[in-house]
Structure formats: C-alpha cells, structure tokens
Amino acid sequence: MSDDREVFMASEETYDKLIELLDRHGASYRLIDHAPEGRTEIVSAMRGNAVSDAAKCIVVMVKLGKKVTKHVLAVVPGDTRVDLNGLKALLGGTYAAFASTDIAERLAGSVAGTILPFSFHPDLELIVDPSIQDKEEIFFNAARLDRSIALRTKDYLAICSPRLAPIAAPAS
C-alpha cells in the first residue's frame, strides 16, 4: 500500500473517531462541506467564519535535552502563529521547531492542513492557547480537506480538557 493511501485511510479513521467522540459527548457541532482546502485563511472564507475563529493546529517538536524529544499539538486562533520560544520555555526545552510533515501526520492521524484540535495519540500532548476560550465556536478541518466542523467552544474544552497556556503570538 502506498504512503498516500495509508495517510488517506488514517484520515478517514481519525474523522470517524472525531464524530463518534463528539456524538458520545452530545457536543453541539455542524459539518460544513467545501472545496478541498487546508490553508486557514482560504478555508475560513469558504466556511464563512472569521479567521480568528479558526483553530489552527500545529504539531511542534520540542527537545528536552540531548536524547528526549516531546511532540505537542499546539492550538491557536487562526489569525495568530504558534510562539515556538514560548512553547520551548513552557516545557523547559532547549529547542523547538515545527515537526516534520511525516511525523505530524503520523501523530495527528491526518494529512497536513486537516489536523484536528484533538489528540488521539499518547505521544502528542495537547496545549491550547487560552484565547480560544473567548470564542463562541471554533472552526477546523475535520481530518479532511473537504469538510470542516463548527464546534461550540464550551463543548470542545469540556471534551478534551486541554492544558491551557499562552502559546500564541501575533501573525508576522
């Protein structure tokens, strides 16, 4: 089986896990179908939401020493960027960078541009910027390029109980 096919199958499985999780918790959400797109600014316009209401999800690699590496799923508002130095300091790391695409996709269970603000992998710690709490709803691609979810923020936070820490910086 090709790598592309494996990633597609993982994305479908991740999508199914997400819907099952949301339904099991009685979350208030809407599915939004749109043309395939993973870039926050463009897909936000397609969905009709403000970019600031998008949940931008980035997998970050943090070195905690010479031999220890931790991966974090950083979730910030769509009109900001992940503060790598802030994340490094938060975790007491020596180095922080975006994870390689193959590692990010493997840990997140979906292709880049469709990473969920939920972690289904034990080696991927979820850290959410507290400004997300100010949103009524968050919008994100649902492990698919052609479908997004609008999820009530209160439900999101109740379901995943993320670590909240200031990890967003103004977009440059």
C-alpha atoms as a PDB file:
ATOM      1  CA  MET A   1       0.000   0.000   0.000  1.00  0.00           C
ATOM      2  CA  SER A   2       1.342   3.466  -0.836  1.00  0.00           C
ATOM      3  CA  ASP A   3       2.062   6.096   1.824  1.00  0.00           C
ATOM      4  CA  ASP A   4      -0.630   8.374   0.336  1.00  0.00           C
ATOM      5  CA  ARG A   5      -3.218   5.604   0.641  1.00  0.00           C
ATOM      6  CA  GLU A   6      -2.156   4.905   4.260  1.00  0.00           C
ATOM      7  CA  VAL A   7      -2.492   8.587   5.173  1.00  0.00           C
ATOM      8  CA  PHE A   8      -5.928   8.728   3.493  1.00  0.00           C
ATOM      9  CA  MET A   9      -7.115   5.668   5.433  1.00  0.00           C
ATOM     10  CA  ALA A  10      -5.732   7.102   8.685  1.00  0.00           C
ATOM     11  CA  SER A  11      -7.556  10.378   7.989  1.00  0.00           C
ATOM     12  CA  GLU A  12     -10.855   8.539   7.446  1.00  0.00           C
ATOM     13  CA  GLU A  13     -10.345   6.629  10.705  1.00  0.00           C
ATOM     14  CA  THR A  14      -9.498   9.870  12.547  1.00  0.00           C
ATOM     15  CA  TYR A  15     -12.617  11.555  11.111  1.00  0.00           C
ATOM     16  CA  ASP A  16     -14.771   8.646  12.319  1.00  0.00           C
ATOM     17  CA  LYS A  17     -13.158   8.790  15.797  1.00  0.00           C
ATOM     18  CA  LEU A  18     -13.865  12.512  15.994  1.00  0.00           C
ATOM     19  CA  ILE A  19     -17.548  12.217  15.036  1.00  0.00           C
ATOM     20  CA  GLU A  20     -18.011   9.312  17.460  1.00  0.00           C
ATOM     21  CA  LEU A  21     -16.350  11.342  20.254  1.00  0.00           C
ATOM     22  CA  LEU A  22     -18.471  14.438  19.605  1.00  0.00           C
ATOM     23  CA  ASP A  23     -21.693  12.410  19.404  1.00  0.00           C
ATOM     24  CA  ARG A  24     -20.868  10.406  22.549  1.00  0.00           C
ATOM     25  CA  HIS A  25     -20.444  13.660  24.486  1.00  0.00           C
ATOM     26  CA  GLY A  26     -23.538  15.303  22.971  1.00  0.00           C
ATOM     27  CA  ALA A  27     -21.456  18.140  21.536  1.00  0.00           C
ATOM     28  CA  SER A  28     -23.094  20.935  19.603  1.00  0.00           C
ATOM     29  CA  TYR A  29     -21.459  20.992  16.146  1.00  0.00           C
ATOM     30  CA  ARG A  30     -22.161  21.494  12.442  1.00  0.00           C
ATOM     31  CA  LEU A  31     -20.488  19.860   9.458  1.00  0.00           C
ATOM     32  CA  ILE A  32     -19.504  22.235   6.646  1.00  0.00           C
ATOM     33  CA  ASP A  33     -18.663  20.805   3.222  1.00  0.00           C
ATOM     34  CA  HIS A  34     -16.439  22.904   0.956  1.00  0.00           C
ATOM     35  CA  ALA A  35     -13.890  22.638  -1.839  1.00  0.00           C
ATOM     36  CA  PRO A  36     -10.699  20.854  -0.727  1.00  0.00           C
ATOM     37  CA  GLU A  37      -8.500  23.334   1.144  1.00  0.00           C
ATOM     38  CA  GLY A  38      -6.240  23.222   4.190  1.00  0.00           C
ATOM     39  CA  ARG A  39      -4.895  26.771   4.485  1.00  0.00           C
ATOM     40  CA  THR A  40      -6.592  28.583   7.365  1.00  0.00           C
ATOM     41  CA  GLU A  41      -7.106  31.941   5.661  1.00  0.00           C
ATOM     42  CA  ILE A  42      -8.597  30.452   2.495  1.00  0.00           C
ATOM     43  CA  VAL A  43     -10.772  27.768   4.094  1.00  0.00           C
ATOM     44  CA  SER A  44     -12.127  30.272   6.655  1.00  0.00           C
ATOM     45  CA  ALA A  45     -13.522  32.362   3.793  1.00  0.00           C
ATOM     46  CA  MET A  46     -15.082  29.229   2.250  1.00  0.00           C
ATOM     47  CA  ARG A  47     -16.712  28.315   5.565  1.00  0.00           C
ATOM     48  CA  GLY A  48     -17.848  31.881   6.238  1.00  0.00           C
ATOM     49  CA  ASN A  49     -16.049  32.252   9.571  1.00  0.00           C
ATOM     50  CA  ALA A  50     -13.628  34.911  10.759  1.00  0.00           C
ATOM     51  CA  VAL A  51     -10.020  33.700  10.553  1.00  0.00           C
ATOM     52  CA  SER A  52      -9.721  34.466  14.277  1.00  0.00           C
ATOM     53  CA  ASP A  53     -12.425  31.837  14.973  1.00  0.00           C
ATOM     54  CA  ALA A  54     -10.449  29.073  13.236  1.00  0.00           C
ATOM     55  CA  ALA A  55      -8.494  26.676  15.419  1.00  0.00           C
ATOM     56  CA  LYS A  56      -5.037  26.485  13.827  1.00  0.00           C
ATOM     57  CA  CYS A  57      -3.454  23.159  14.795  1.00  0.00           C
ATOM     58  CA  ILE A  58       0.307  22.697  14.516  1.00  0.00           C
ATOM     59  CA  VAL A  59       2.451  19.752  15.628  1.00  0.00           C
ATOM     60  CA  VAL A  60       5.629  21.014  17.287  1.00  0.00           C
ATOM     61  CA  MET A  61       8.750  19.084  18.261  1.00  0.00           C
ATOM     62  CA  VAL A  62      10.429  20.218  21.489  1.00  0.00           C
ATOM     63  CA  LYS A  63      13.843  18.934  22.537  1.00  0.00           C
ATOM     64  CA  LEU A  64      14.000  18.497  26.313  1.00  0.00           C
ATOM     65  CA  GLY A  65      17.660  17.509  26.266  1.00  0.00           C
ATOM     66  CA  LYS A  66      20.072  15.673  24.019  1.00  0.00           C
ATOM     67  CA  LYS A  67      18.071  12.449  23.967  1.00  0.00           C
ATOM     68  CA  VAL A  68      14.493  13.435  24.841  1.00  0.00           C
ATOM     69  CA  THR A  69      12.041  14.817  22.294  1.00  0.00           C
ATOM     70  CA  LYS A  70       8.403  15.659  23.006  1.00  0.00           C
ATOM     71  CA  HIS A  71       5.694  16.365  20.436  1.00  0.00           C
ATOM     72  CA  VAL A  72       2.952  18.878  21.152  1.00  0.00           C
ATOM     73  CA  LEU A  73      -0.274  19.647  19.332  1.00  0.00           C
ATOM     74  CA  ALA A  74      -0.424  23.424  19.641  1.00  0.00           C
ATOM     75  CA  VAL A  75      -3.838  25.013  19.042  1.00  0.00           C
ATOM     76  CA  VAL A  76      -4.018  28.772  18.492  1.00  0.00           C
ATOM     77  CA  PRO A  77      -6.515  31.164  16.887  1.00  0.00           C
ATOM     78  CA  GLY A  78      -6.253  31.204  13.086  1.00  0.00           C
ATOM     79  CA  ASP A  79      -5.080  34.807  12.928  1.00  0.00           C
ATOM     80  CA  THR A  80      -2.053  34.125  15.155  1.00  0.00           C
ATOM     81  CA  ARG A  81       1.014  31.916  14.996  1.00  0.00           C
ATOM     82  CA  VAL A  82       2.489  29.434  17.449  1.00  0.00           C
ATOM     83  CA  ASP A  83       5.102  31.066  19.700  1.00  0.00           C
ATOM     84  CA  LEU A  84       7.844  28.437  19.437  1.00  0.00           C
ATOM     85  CA  ASN A  85      10.058  30.164  22.012  1.00  0.00           C
ATOM     86  CA  GLY A  86       7.155  30.420  24.440  1.00  0.00           C
ATOM     87  CA  LEU A  87       6.334  26.732  23.960  1.00  0.00           C
ATOM     88  CA  LYS A  88      10.002  25.804  24.437  1.00  0.00           C
ATOM     89  CA  ALA A  89      10.139  27.814  27.685  1.00  0.00           C
ATOM     90  CA  LEU A  90       6.810  26.386  28.904  1.00  0.00           C
ATOM     91  CA  LEU A  91       8.151  22.843  28.572  1.00  0.00           C
ATOM     92  CA  GLY A  92      11.688  23.634  29.737  1.00  0.00           C
ATOM     93  CA  GLY A  93      13.046  22.663  26.353  1.00  0.00           C
ATOM     94  CA  THR A  94      16.314  23.503  24.644  1.00  0.00           C
ATOM     95  CA  TYR A  95      14.932  23.708  21.090  1.00  0.00           C
ATOM     96  CA  ALA A  96      11.506  23.888  19.407  1.00  0.00           C
ATOM     97  CA  ALA A  97      10.510  23.621  15.755  1.00  0.00           C
ATOM     98  CA  PHE A  98       7.605  22.513  13.617  1.00  0.00           C
ATOM     99  CA  ALA A  99       7.538  18.729  13.392  1.00  0.00           C
ATOM    100  CA  SER A 100       8.317  17.219  10.013  1.00  0.00           C
ATOM    101  CA  THR A 101       5.244  16.597   7.873  1.00  0.00           C
ATOM    102  CA  ASP A 102       5.523  12.807   8.119  1.00  0.00           C
ATOM    103  CA  ILE A 103       5.787  12.852  11.935  1.00  0.00           C
ATOM    104  CA  ALA A 104       2.964  15.407  12.258  1.00  0.00           C
ATOM    105  CA  GLU A 105       0.669  13.365  10.011  1.00  0.00           C
ATOM    106  CA  ARG A 106       1.504  10.097  11.795  1.00  0.00           C
ATOM    107  CA  LEU A 107       0.874  11.531  15.283  1.00  0.00           C
ATOM    108  CA  ALA A 108      -2.229  13.506  14.265  1.00  0.00           C
ATOM    109  CA  GLY A 109      -3.704  10.726  12.136  1.00  0.00           C
ATOM    110  CA  SER A 110      -4.463  13.031   9.215  1.00  0.00           C
ATOM    111  CA  VAL A 111      -2.778  14.985   6.449  1.00  0.00           C
ATOM    112  CA  ALA A 112      -1.271  18.422   6.957  1.00  0.00           C
ATOM    113  CA  GLY A 113      -3.967  21.075   6.683  1.00  0.00           C
ATOM    114  CA  THR A 114      -6.554  18.792   8.298  1.00  0.00           C
ATOM    115  CA  ILE A 115      -5.038  18.254  11.749  1.00  0.00           C
ATOM    116  CA  LEU A 116      -7.686  18.295  14.460  1.00  0.00           C
ATOM    117  CA  PRO A 117      -7.530  20.239  17.731  1.00  0.00           C
ATOM    118  CA  PHE A 118      -7.844  16.845  19.474  1.00  0.00           C
ATOM    119  CA  SER A 119      -5.067  14.354  20.172  1.00  0.00           C
ATOM    120  CA  PHE A 120      -5.822  10.673  19.762  1.00  0.00           C
ATOM    121  CA  HIS A 121      -2.142   9.693  20.158  1.00  0.00           C
ATOM    122  CA  PRO A 122      -0.481   9.145  23.556  1.00  0.00           C
ATOM    123  CA  ASP A 123       2.779  10.770  22.352  1.00  0.00           C
ATOM    124  CA  LEU A 124       1.072  14.016  21.316  1.00  0.00           C
ATOM    125  CA  GLU A 125       0.326  16.434  24.175  1.00  0.00           C
ATOM    126  CA  LEU A 126      -2.478  18.924  23.523  1.00  0.00           C
ATOM    127  CA  ILE A 127      -1.756  22.530  24.525  1.00  0.00           C
ATOM    128  CA  VAL A 128      -4.322  25.224  23.704  1.00  0.00           C
ATOM    129  CA  ASP A 129      -3.879  28.986  23.875  1.00  0.00           C
ATOM    130  CA  PRO A 130      -6.347  30.374  26.465  1.00  0.00           C
ATOM    131  CA  SER A 131      -7.677  32.959  23.975  1.00  0.00           C
ATOM    132  CA  ILE A 132      -9.574  30.074  22.324  1.00  0.00           C
ATOM    133  CA  GLN A 133     -11.888  30.191  25.370  1.00  0.00           C
ATOM    134  CA  ASP A 134     -13.165  33.606  24.209  1.00  0.00           C
ATOM    135  CA  LYS A 135     -14.702  32.130  21.037  1.00  0.00           C
ATOM    136  CA  GLU A 136     -18.344  31.040  20.912  1.00  0.00           C
ATOM    137  CA  GLU A 137     -17.466  28.437  18.265  1.00  0.00           C
ATOM    138  CA  ILE A 138     -14.233  27.166  16.759  1.00  0.00           C
ATOM    139  CA  PHE A 139     -13.847  26.041  13.150  1.00  0.00           C
ATOM    140  CA  PHE A 140     -11.403  23.432  11.876  1.00  0.00           C
ATOM    141  CA  ASN A 141     -10.931  20.926   9.072  1.00  0.00           C
ATOM    142  CA  ALA A 142     -12.288  17.570  10.182  1.00  0.00           C
ATOM    143  CA  ALA A 143      -9.313  15.341   9.251  1.00  0.00           C
ATOM    144  CA  ARG A 144     -10.417  16.004   5.661  1.00  0.00           C
ATOM    145  CA  LEU A 145      -9.644  18.769   3.196  1.00  0.00           C
ATOM    146  CA  ASP A 146     -13.262  18.941   2.002  1.00  0.00           C
ATOM    147  CA  ARG A 147     -15.144  19.026   5.310  1.00  0.00           C
ATOM    148  CA  SER A 148     -14.904  21.237   8.363  1.00  0.00           C
ATOM    149  CA  ILE A 149     -16.574  21.367  11.735  1.00  0.00           C
ATOM    150  CA  ALA A 150     -18.002  24.319  13.630  1.00  0.00           C
ATOM    151  CA  LEU A 151     -17.886  23.214  17.272  1.00  0.00           C
ATOM    152  CA  ARG A 152     -19.163  25.018  20.342  1.00  0.00           C
ATOM    153  CA  THR A 153     -16.011  26.027  22.229  1.00  0.00           C
ATOM    154  CA  LYS A 154     -17.520  25.136  25.589  1.00  0.00           C
ATOM    155  CA  ASP A 155     -18.072  21.566  24.334  1.00  0.00           C
ATOM    156  CA  TYR A 156     -14.561  21.379  22.859  1.00  0.00           C
ATOM    157  CA  LEU A 157     -12.925  22.361  26.140  1.00  0.00           C
ATOM    158  CA  ALA A 158     -15.152  20.023  28.187  1.00  0.00           C
ATOM    159  CA  ILE A 159     -14.411  17.038  25.937  1.00  0.00           C
ATOM    160  CA  CYS A 160     -10.641  17.354  25.637  1.00  0.00           C
ATOM    161  CA  SER A 161      -9.721  19.199  28.884  1.00  0.00           C
ATOM    162  CA  PRO A 162      -6.564  20.607  27.288  1.00  0.00           C
ATOM    163  CA  ARG A 163      -3.589  22.157  29.005  1.00  0.00           C
ATOM    164  CA  LEU A 164      -4.162  25.896  28.621  1.00  0.00           C
ATOM    165  CA  ALA A 165      -1.065  28.064  28.205  1.00  0.00           C
ATOM    166  CA  PRO A 166      -0.251  31.279  26.322  1.00  0.00           C
ATOM    167  CA  ILE A 167       1.373  29.873  23.166  1.00  0.00           C
ATOM    168  CA  ALA A 168       0.014  32.261  20.511  1.00  0.00           C
ATOM    169  CA  ALA A 169       1.890  35.220  19.070  1.00  0.00           C
ATOM    170  CA  PRO A 170       0.670  37.846  16.598  1.00  0.00           C
ATOM    171  CA  ALA A 171       0.960  36.753  12.969  1.00  0.00           C
ATOM    172  CA  SER A 172       4.021  38.346  11.420  1.00  0.00           C
END
